[in-house]
């Protein structure tokens, strides 16, 4: 009898665990096809403070054009619109969309004309796009929860250039974009990353380097890392001076700010260790570097994000052939300390294309492609910066040759994920799924 009771108890536990796993998986809705009538590519996602969702992508019909669809909280995805952009002059536009807590959205993209932008006020339609910077490409676009925004890009600065500059335009919430500003100049220069806090302060990380060019190619070295900051209410960029280097390769410096303006910078040093430095709310000197992540594997950074309180998360893909996994490591701006890495991807051993998004509260979502068996999109979520990540779940749905493309989350934990795949007619289609905490 005792054995029968124990067996029954074990069965009950197993059923409970299975039901909990199924319930967790069901928090991601069945995917909905976003793109119709053509082929969808290069999706972007955003979600406001009330859980209203927005998707943007390049739709290829007789011409390339940015399309958008939205979903009010508690409703279904609405019809596609075609008035986000005019006909695009290239097939590589890579749109980015950001949204405020109150629902004001801004999109930035490129074509052969330059960098474009368009706004969509809350509960309204997209306004006419404007050519923000003629002839520029590869923009770095950041926006905070209030609507303060910045776009940075490079002019010249290549190995064969004699002049180069990191440039930026900024917009305060409710205002207009500034004229282009010079962040930094050098014959050989690159921009790494940018961050903006709810204080409105902006930090751009950039590097100078040495180039030796011959007829058939150029060699580069002596990369020196800098960070320039513009405080809200000013037009001046304060250069940190050399923070790291000269080193033989670039430092891939990421930066994030909290709501008060405290900043953290994470970069890879000459020993291939990821180290971090912090800066106070009002700018000033950066702190001494401390180790954030020391891994013997090849690291591909997905994203670095801070919540309002300065709790920081770095999500990355770790590749140690023949396996690869998704990891997260937590830090903080106040104190510049870091936790040990946490495996996000569970038993997945062939992970790629990791995408990470976080909200001002610290709620977060990570998605990736798992190819350990049949390829599938997997997801994990977190309610707060100090909370535990959920076990990874699969996002079931249609499509072959699937690929994760975008994710977004708001402070209550509502999230969306967008992935692409080929439908039954071999049309490249964008699919979206929603998550409720």
Protein backbone atom coordinates (compact mmCIF):
# COMPACT_ATOMS: atom_id res chain seq x y z
CA UNK A 1 0.00 0.00 0.00
CA UNK A 2 2.82 2.39 0.92
CA UNK A 3 4.46 1.80 -2.45
CA UNK A 4 1.15 2.45 -4.24
CA UNK A 5 0.70 5.73 -2.34
CA UNK A 6 4.25 6.79 -3.18
CA UNK A 7 3.75 5.87 -6.84
CA UNK A 8 0.52 7.88 -6.93
CA UNK A 9 2.31 10.84 -5.37
CA UNK A 10 5.05 10.72 -7.99
CA UNK A 11 2.47 10.55 -10.78
CA UNK A 12 0.64 13.54 -9.31
CA UNK A 13 3.90 15.53 -9.17
CA UNK A 14 4.72 14.61 -12.75
CA UNK A 15 1.26 15.63 -13.98
CA UNK A 16 1.47 18.91 -12.05
CA UNK A 17 4.87 19.71 -13.56
CA UNK A 18 3.58 18.84 -17.03
CA UNK A 19 0.48 21.00 -16.61
CA UNK A 20 2.62 23.89 -15.35
CA UNK A 21 4.92 23.56 -18.36
CA UNK A 22 1.95 23.47 -20.72
CA UNK A 23 0.41 26.50 -19.03
CA UNK A 24 3.72 28.34 -19.35
CA UNK A 25 3.92 27.46 -23.05
CA UNK A 26 0.36 28.63 -23.59
CA UNK A 27 1.21 32.16 -22.41
CA UNK A 28 2.62 32.68 -25.91
CA UNK A 29 -0.29 32.99 -28.31
CA UNK A 30 -0.53 31.14 -31.60
CA UNK A 31 1.53 33.08 -34.17
CA UNK A 32 -0.29 35.41 -36.55
CA UNK A 33 0.96 36.11 -40.08
CA UNK A 34 1.78 39.81 -40.25
CA UNK A 35 2.94 40.19 -43.83
CA UNK A 36 0.46 39.45 -46.61
CA UNK A 37 0.46 40.04 -50.35
CA UNK A 38 4.22 39.93 -50.75
CA UNK A 39 7.26 38.95 -48.76
CA UNK A 40 8.08 40.29 -45.30
CA UNK A 41 11.64 41.02 -44.19
CA UNK A 42 13.62 42.81 -41.46
CA UNK A 43 10.94 43.20 -38.79
CA UNK A 44 11.03 45.50 -35.76
CA UNK A 45 8.83 45.45 -32.64
CA UNK A 46 7.71 47.77 -29.84
CA UNK A 47 5.17 47.70 -27.00
CA UNK A 48 3.97 50.63 -24.87
CA UNK A 49 3.25 50.89 -21.16
CA UNK A 50 -0.35 49.67 -21.54
CA UNK A 51 0.61 46.58 -23.55
CA UNK A 52 -0.35 47.99 -26.97
CA UNK A 53 1.90 46.36 -29.56
CA UNK A 54 3.43 47.56 -32.82
CA UNK A 55 5.23 45.75 -35.64
CA UNK A 56 7.10 47.18 -38.62
CA UNK A 57 8.73 45.42 -41.56
CA UNK A 58 9.89 45.70 -45.17
CA UNK A 59 7.14 44.30 -47.41
CA UNK A 60 8.27 43.31 -50.91
CA UNK A 61 5.48 43.35 -53.47
CA UNK A 62 5.99 45.22 -56.75
CA UNK A 63 8.19 47.52 -54.67
CA UNK A 64 9.78 47.57 -51.24
CA UNK A 65 7.79 49.56 -48.69
CA UNK A 66 7.58 49.68 -44.91
CA UNK A 67 4.35 48.24 -43.58
CA UNK A 68 3.03 48.34 -40.04
CA UNK A 69 0.41 46.58 -37.96
CA UNK A 70 -0.67 47.23 -34.40
CA UNK A 71 -2.61 45.47 -31.67
CA UNK A 72 -4.39 47.23 -28.81
CA UNK A 73 -4.21 45.31 -25.55
CA UNK A 74 -6.94 42.67 -25.40
CA UNK A 75 -7.64 42.79 -29.16
CA UNK A 76 -6.37 41.15 -32.34
CA UNK A 77 -3.77 42.44 -34.78
CA UNK A 78 -5.29 45.02 -37.12
CA UNK A 79 -4.92 45.30 -40.89
CA UNK A 80 -1.58 46.21 -42.45
CA UNK A 81 -0.90 49.79 -43.48
CA UNK A 82 1.33 50.86 -46.36
CA UNK A 83 1.80 54.51 -45.51
CA UNK A 84 4.83 54.25 -43.22
CA UNK A 85 7.32 54.84 -46.03
CA UNK A 86 7.41 55.74 -49.70
CA UNK A 87 8.82 53.22 -52.16
CA UNK A 88 12.25 52.20 -50.86
CA UNK A 89 15.29 52.54 -53.09
CA UNK A 90 17.08 49.52 -51.65
CA UNK A 91 16.22 46.11 -50.21
CA UNK A 92 18.28 46.55 -47.02
CA UNK A 93 16.41 49.07 -44.88
CA UNK A 94 16.70 47.47 -41.41
CA UNK A 95 13.96 49.51 -39.72
CA UNK A 96 14.02 50.16 -35.97
CA UNK A 97 10.94 51.24 -34.02
CA UNK A 98 10.80 52.64 -30.47
CA UNK A 99 7.76 53.61 -28.43
CA UNK A 100 7.16 55.69 -25.31
CA UNK A 101 5.27 54.51 -22.26
CA UNK A 102 2.33 56.63 -23.46
CA UNK A 103 2.34 55.08 -26.95
CA UNK A 104 4.18 57.63 -29.16
CA UNK A 105 6.20 55.63 -31.70
CA UNK A 106 9.16 56.60 -33.90
CA UNK A 107 10.66 54.53 -36.69
CA UNK A 108 14.08 54.98 -38.30
CA UNK A 109 15.32 53.24 -41.46
CA UNK A 110 17.62 53.74 -44.45
CA UNK A 111 17.57 53.50 -48.19
CA UNK A 112 19.92 54.85 -50.86
CA UNK A 113 18.67 58.40 -50.16
CA UNK A 114 19.83 58.32 -46.54
CA UNK A 115 18.33 57.99 -43.06
CA UNK A 116 14.54 58.34 -42.81
CA UNK A 117 12.20 58.70 -39.84
CA UNK A 118 8.45 58.74 -39.20
CA UNK A 119 6.32 59.22 -36.10
CA UNK A 120 3.04 57.66 -35.01
CA UNK A 121 1.27 59.51 -32.17
CA UNK A 122 -0.54 57.30 -29.65
CA UNK A 123 -3.80 55.82 -30.98
CA UNK A 124 -3.24 57.52 -34.34
CA UNK A 125 -1.84 56.92 -37.82
CA UNK A 126 1.72 57.21 -39.06
CA UNK A 127 2.68 60.74 -40.06
CA UNK A 128 4.50 61.48 -43.30
CA UNK A 129 8.12 60.32 -43.23
CA UNK A 130 11.01 62.76 -43.46
CA UNK A 131 14.51 62.32 -44.82
CA UNK A 132 16.46 62.95 -41.64
CA UNK A 133 20.03 62.76 -42.98
CA UNK A 134 20.71 62.70 -46.71
CA UNK A 135 23.33 60.22 -47.91
CA UNK A 136 23.96 58.64 -44.49
CA UNK A 137 23.61 54.96 -43.56
CA UNK A 138 23.89 52.49 -40.69
CA UNK A 139 22.14 54.64 -38.06
CA UNK A 140 22.26 53.88 -34.33
CA UNK A 141 18.82 54.88 -32.97
CA UNK A 142 17.93 55.16 -29.28
CA UNK A 143 14.84 56.59 -27.55
CA UNK A 144 13.75 56.68 -23.91
CA UNK A 145 10.32 56.06 -22.39
CA UNK A 146 9.43 59.78 -22.60
CA UNK A 147 10.32 60.27 -26.27
CA UNK A 148 13.78 61.85 -26.06
CA UNK A 149 15.70 60.34 -28.96
CA UNK A 150 19.06 60.33 -30.75
CA UNK A 151 20.44 58.97 -34.01
CA UNK A 152 24.20 58.56 -34.52
CA UNK A 153 26.11 57.63 -37.68
CA UNK A 154 29.55 57.80 -39.31
CA UNK A 155 30.76 60.10 -42.08
CA UNK A 156 33.99 58.86 -43.68
CA UNK A 157 36.40 57.40 -41.14
CA UNK A 158 37.23 54.27 -43.15
CA UNK A 159 40.73 52.80 -43.58
CA UNK A 160 41.37 54.81 -46.75
CA UNK A 161 39.75 58.00 -45.45
CA UNK A 162 41.65 61.15 -44.61
CA UNK A 163 38.78 62.58 -42.52
CA UNK A 164 35.96 61.07 -40.51
CA UNK A 165 33.35 62.02 -37.95
CA UNK A 166 30.80 60.47 -35.63
CA UNK A 167 27.65 62.55 -36.14
CA UNK A 168 24.34 62.74 -34.27
CA UNK A 169 20.93 64.38 -34.34
CA UNK A 170 18.82 64.62 -31.19
CA UNK A 171 15.19 65.29 -30.36
CA UNK A 172 13.73 66.16 -27.01
CA UNK A 173 10.29 64.72 -26.28
CA UNK A 174 7.65 66.71 -28.16
CA UNK A 175 10.27 68.70 -30.05
CA UNK A 176 11.99 68.68 -33.45
CA UNK A 177 15.20 66.99 -34.54
CA UNK A 178 18.33 69.12 -34.23
CA UNK A 179 20.70 69.86 -37.07
CA UNK A 180 23.56 67.33 -37.39
CA UNK A 181 26.15 67.64 -34.63
CA UNK A 182 29.76 66.46 -34.59
CA UNK A 183 30.30 64.03 -31.72
CA UNK A 184 33.95 63.29 -32.54
CA UNK A 185 36.36 63.49 -35.47
CA UNK A 186 39.44 61.56 -36.59
CA UNK A 187 40.88 60.33 -39.87
CA UNK A 188 39.96 56.75 -38.92
CA UNK A 189 36.94 56.40 -36.63
CA UNK A 190 34.03 54.04 -35.91
CA UNK A 191 30.92 54.28 -33.75
CA UNK A 192 30.22 51.31 -31.47
CA UNK A 193 26.94 51.97 -29.69
CA UNK A 194 24.69 54.55 -28.03
CA UNK A 195 22.45 54.77 -24.98
CA UNK A 196 19.90 57.21 -23.59
CA UNK A 197 18.36 57.49 -20.12
CA UNK A 198 15.06 58.94 -19.00
CA UNK A 199 17.04 61.97 -17.84
CA UNK A 200 17.56 62.68 -21.55
CA UNK A 201 21.36 62.30 -21.35
CA UNK A 202 22.92 60.52 -24.34
CA UNK A 203 26.19 58.56 -24.46
CA UNK A 204 27.87 57.44 -27.71
CA UNK A 205 30.82 55.03 -27.64
CA UNK A 206 33.36 55.34 -30.47
CA UNK A 207 36.90 54.39 -31.39
CA UNK A 208 39.84 55.73 -33.32
CA UNK A 209 42.26 53.35 -35.04
CA UNK A 210 45.33 53.18 -37.26
CA UNK A 211 45.13 51.97 -40.85
CA UNK A 212 47.93 50.89 -43.18
CA UNK A 213 46.69 50.47 -46.73
CA UNK A 214 48.31 48.95 -49.75
CA UNK A 215 46.99 48.38 -53.23
CA UNK A 216 44.95 45.29 -52.43
CA UNK A 217 43.83 45.92 -48.87
CA UNK A 218 44.23 47.63 -45.53
CA UNK A 219 45.38 46.48 -42.11
CA UNK A 220 43.93 48.10 -38.98
CA UNK A 221 45.22 48.25 -35.40
CA UNK A 222 45.64 50.54 -32.37
CA UNK A 223 41.96 50.84 -31.51
CA UNK A 224 41.36 53.41 -28.75
CA UNK A 225 37.97 53.53 -27.02
CA UNK A 226 36.16 56.76 -26.09
CA UNK A 227 32.69 57.68 -24.80
CA UNK A 228 31.09 61.06 -25.47
CA UNK A 229 28.16 62.35 -23.45
CA UNK A 230 25.62 65.10 -24.07
CA UNK A 231 23.66 66.11 -20.99
CA UNK A 232 20.03 67.15 -21.36
CA UNK A 233 19.63 70.86 -21.89
CA UNK A 234 23.04 71.30 -23.52
CA UNK A 235 24.44 71.02 -27.06
CA UNK A 236 27.98 70.08 -26.03
CA UNK A 237 29.54 66.63 -26.29
CA UNK A 238 31.98 65.79 -23.46
CA UNK A 239 34.71 63.36 -24.61
CA UNK A 240 35.95 60.89 -21.98
CA UNK A 241 39.40 60.75 -23.49
CA UNK A 242 41.03 57.35 -24.07
CA UNK A 243 39.30 54.72 -21.92
CA UNK A 244 40.94 51.60 -23.32
CA UNK A 245 43.70 50.81 -25.80
CA UNK A 246 45.49 51.10 -28.09
CA UNK A 247 44.61 47.47 -28.85
CA UNK A 248 44.84 45.36 -31.97
CA UNK A 249 41.07 45.02 -32.41
CA UNK A 250 37.91 47.00 -31.71
CA UNK A 251 36.31 46.90 -28.25
CA UNK A 252 32.61 46.53 -29.24
CA UNK A 253 31.62 48.87 -26.40
CA UNK A 254 27.98 48.79 -25.26
CA UNK A 255 26.43 51.43 -23.01
CA UNK A 256 23.24 51.73 -20.94
CA UNK A 257 21.82 54.44 -18.67
CA UNK A 258 19.41 54.38 -15.74
CA UNK A 259 16.57 56.87 -15.19
CA UNK A 260 18.77 59.28 -13.19
CA UNK A 261 21.53 59.38 -15.81
CA UNK A 262 23.99 56.91 -14.30
CA UNK A 263 25.79 55.05 -17.09
CA UNK A 264 27.62 51.77 -17.55
CA UNK A 265 29.90 50.77 -20.40
CA UNK A 266 30.83 47.16 -21.21
CA UNK A 267 33.66 46.43 -23.65
CA UNK A 268 36.03 43.61 -24.54
CA UNK A 269 39.69 44.27 -23.66
CA UNK A 270 42.92 43.03 -25.25
CA UNK A 271 42.71 39.79 -23.22
CA UNK A 272 39.21 39.17 -24.66
CA UNK A 273 37.63 39.70 -21.24
CA UNK A 274 34.45 41.81 -21.04
CA UNK A 275 35.03 44.61 -18.54
CA UNK A 276 32.81 47.45 -17.34
CA UNK A 277 33.14 51.07 -16.24
CA UNK A 278 30.52 53.40 -14.77
CA UNK A 279 29.81 57.12 -14.84
CA UNK A 280 27.82 59.29 -12.44
CA UNK A 281 24.42 60.87 -13.05
CA UNK A 282 25.93 64.15 -14.19
CA UNK A 283 28.73 62.70 -16.28
CA UNK A 284 32.35 63.25 -15.33
CA UNK A 285 35.12 60.68 -15.04
CA UNK A 286 34.51 57.01 -15.78
CA UNK A 287 35.43 54.51 -13.05
CA UNK A 288 38.20 51.93 -13.21
CA UNK A 289 37.28 48.87 -15.27
CA UNK A 290 36.08 45.73 -13.49
CA UNK A 291 35.52 42.24 -14.91
CA UNK A 292 31.95 41.70 -16.10
CA UNK A 293 32.37 38.45 -18.01
CA UNK A 294 35.40 36.21 -18.44
CA UNK A 295 34.67 33.34 -20.80
CA UNK A 296 36.93 31.02 -22.75
CA UNK A 297 34.22 30.68 -25.40
CA UNK A 298 33.48 32.86 -28.39
CA UNK A 299 30.96 35.51 -27.29
CA UNK A 300 28.30 37.19 -29.43
CA UNK A 301 26.59 40.01 -27.50
CA UNK A 302 22.85 40.34 -28.00
CA UNK A 303 22.18 43.46 -25.94
CA UNK A 304 23.00 45.38 -22.77
CA UNK A 305 20.10 47.06 -20.92
CA UNK A 306 19.48 48.85 -17.64
CA UNK A 307 16.24 49.28 -15.72
CA UNK A 308 15.27 52.59 -14.09
CA UNK A 309 17.12 51.68 -10.88
CA UNK A 310 20.42 50.83 -12.60
CA UNK A 311 20.11 47.04 -12.51
CA UNK A 312 21.86 45.90 -15.67
CA UNK A 313 21.54 42.75 -17.79
CA UNK A 314 23.90 41.54 -20.51
CA UNK A 315 22.58 38.72 -22.72
CA UNK A 316 24.86 36.88 -25.10
CA UNK A 317 25.45 33.72 -27.11
CA UNK A 318 28.37 31.57 -26.00
CA UNK A 319 29.92 29.35 -28.68
CA UNK A 320 32.15 26.46 -27.67
CA UNK A 321 32.20 24.13 -30.68
CA UNK A 322 30.16 22.02 -31.19
CA UNK A 323 27.71 23.58 -28.73
CA UNK A 324 26.25 27.06 -28.28
CA UNK A 325 23.99 28.45 -25.54
CA UNK A 326 22.26 31.67 -24.50
CA UNK A 327 23.43 33.27 -21.23
CA UNK A 328 22.55 36.28 -19.07
CA UNK A 329 24.73 38.05 -16.53
CA UNK A 330 23.41 40.70 -14.13
CA UNK A 331 25.23 43.81 -12.95
CA UNK A 332 24.51 47.22 -11.49
CA UNK A 333 25.60 50.77 -12.18
CA UNK A 334 25.88 51.63 -8.49
CA UNK A 335 28.94 49.64 -7.48
CA UNK A 336 29.81 48.13 -10.85
CA UNK A 337 29.45 44.53 -9.66
CA UNK A 338 28.37 41.48 -11.64
CA UNK A 339 26.80 38.08 -11.01
CA UNK A 340 27.93 34.77 -12.41
CA UNK A 341 26.50 33.92 -15.85
CA UNK A 342 23.13 32.13 -15.98
CA UNK A 343 22.17 29.72 -18.76
CA UNK A 344 18.93 31.00 -20.37
CA UNK A 345 18.58 28.33 -23.02
CA UNK A 346 18.19 25.31 -20.74
CA UNK A 347 18.97 22.06 -22.51
CA UNK A 348 19.29 23.71 -25.93
CA UNK A 349 22.79 23.03 -27.20
CA UNK A 350 22.65 24.64 -30.65
CA UNK A 351 21.52 28.21 -30.12
CA UNK A 352 21.82 31.17 -32.48
CA UNK A 353 20.29 34.56 -33.32
CA UNK A 354 19.68 35.56 -29.68
CA UNK A 355 17.47 38.65 -29.24
CA UNK A 356 17.02 40.37 -25.87
CA UNK A 357 14.72 43.22 -24.84
CA UNK A 358 14.09 44.81 -21.43
CA UNK A 359 11.60 47.30 -19.97
CA UNK A 360 12.23 50.20 -17.52
CA UNK A 361 10.93 47.99 -14.67
CA UNK A 362 13.45 45.25 -15.43
CA UNK A 363 10.92 42.91 -17.05
CA UNK A 364 12.67 41.17 -19.92
CA UNK A 365 12.30 38.72 -22.79
CA UNK A 366 14.88 36.70 -24.74
CA UNK A 367 14.22 34.67 -27.87
CA UNK A 368 16.52 32.52 -29.97
CA UNK A 369 16.63 29.83 -32.62
CA UNK A 370 17.26 26.35 -31.26
CA UNK A 371 18.59 23.87 -33.82
CA UNK A 372 19.33 21.05 -31.38
CA UNK A 373 16.68 18.96 -33.16
CA UNK A 374 13.93 20.31 -35.39
CA UNK A 375 14.58 24.07 -35.57
CA UNK A 376 12.22 25.99 -33.30
CA UNK A 377 11.94 29.49 -31.83
CA UNK A 378 12.40 29.43 -28.06
CA UNK A 379 11.68 32.11 -25.46
CA UNK A 380 12.35 32.93 -21.81
CA UNK A 381 10.93 35.79 -19.75
CA UNK A 382 11.65 37.60 -16.49
CA UNK A 383 9.27 39.71 -14.37
CA UNK A 384 11.86 42.00 -12.72
CA UNK A 385 15.59 42.66 -12.86
CA UNK A 386 16.04 40.72 -9.62
CA UNK A 387 13.59 37.97 -10.61
CA UNK A 388 14.26 34.53 -12.02
CA UNK A 389 14.12 33.73 -15.70
CA UNK A 390 11.44 31.28 -16.76
CA UNK A 391 12.35 27.92 -18.21
CA UNK A 392 12.58 28.22 -22.01
CA UNK A 393 9.44 27.36 -23.96
CA UNK A 394 8.89 26.74 -27.65
CA UNK A 395 6.85 29.13 -29.76
CA UNK A 396 4.87 26.79 -32.01
CA UNK A 397 3.63 27.92 -35.37
CA UNK A 398 3.88 27.77 -39.16
CA UNK A 399 6.87 28.42 -41.35
CA UNK A 400 9.98 26.68 -42.62
CA UNK A 401 13.57 27.96 -42.34
CA UNK A 402 12.45 30.07 -39.38
CA UNK A 403 14.47 32.92 -37.91
CA UNK A 404 13.83 35.20 -34.89
CA UNK A 405 13.79 38.87 -35.88
CA UNK A 406 12.50 41.10 -33.07
CA UNK A 407 11.17 41.17 -29.51
CA UNK A 408 9.78 43.81 -27.14
CA UNK A 409 8.48 43.88 -23.56
CA UNK A 410 6.79 46.45 -21.29
CA UNK A 411 7.07 46.93 -17.55
CA UNK A 412 4.15 44.65 -16.59
CA UNK A 413 5.71 41.77 -18.53
CA UNK A 414 3.54 41.83 -21.66
CA UNK A 415 5.80 40.93 -24.59
CA UNK A 416 5.80 40.21 -28.30
CA UNK A 417 8.16 38.23 -30.50
CA UNK A 418 8.43 38.36 -34.28
CA UNK A 419 10.00 35.66 -36.40
CA UNK A 420 10.12 34.94 -40.12
CA UNK A 421 9.72 31.77 -42.13
CA UNK A 422 8.62 30.53 -45.52
CA UNK A 423 4.93 29.66 -45.78
CA UNK A 424 3.43 26.82 -47.81
CA UNK A 425 3.81 28.90 -51.00
CA UNK A 426 7.50 29.58 -50.27
CA UNK A 427 6.74 33.23 -49.47
CA UNK A 428 8.95 34.78 -46.81
CA UNK A 429 6.42 35.71 -44.12
CA UNK A 430 6.63 37.61 -40.82
CA UNK A 431 4.82 36.02 -37.85
CA UNK A 432 4.08 37.58 -34.46
CA UNK A 433 3.18 36.01 -31.11
CA UNK A 434 2.24 37.69 -27.82
CA UNK A 435 3.04 36.83 -24.23
CA UNK A 436 1.07 37.66 -21.10
CA UNK A 437 2.67 37.28 -17.65
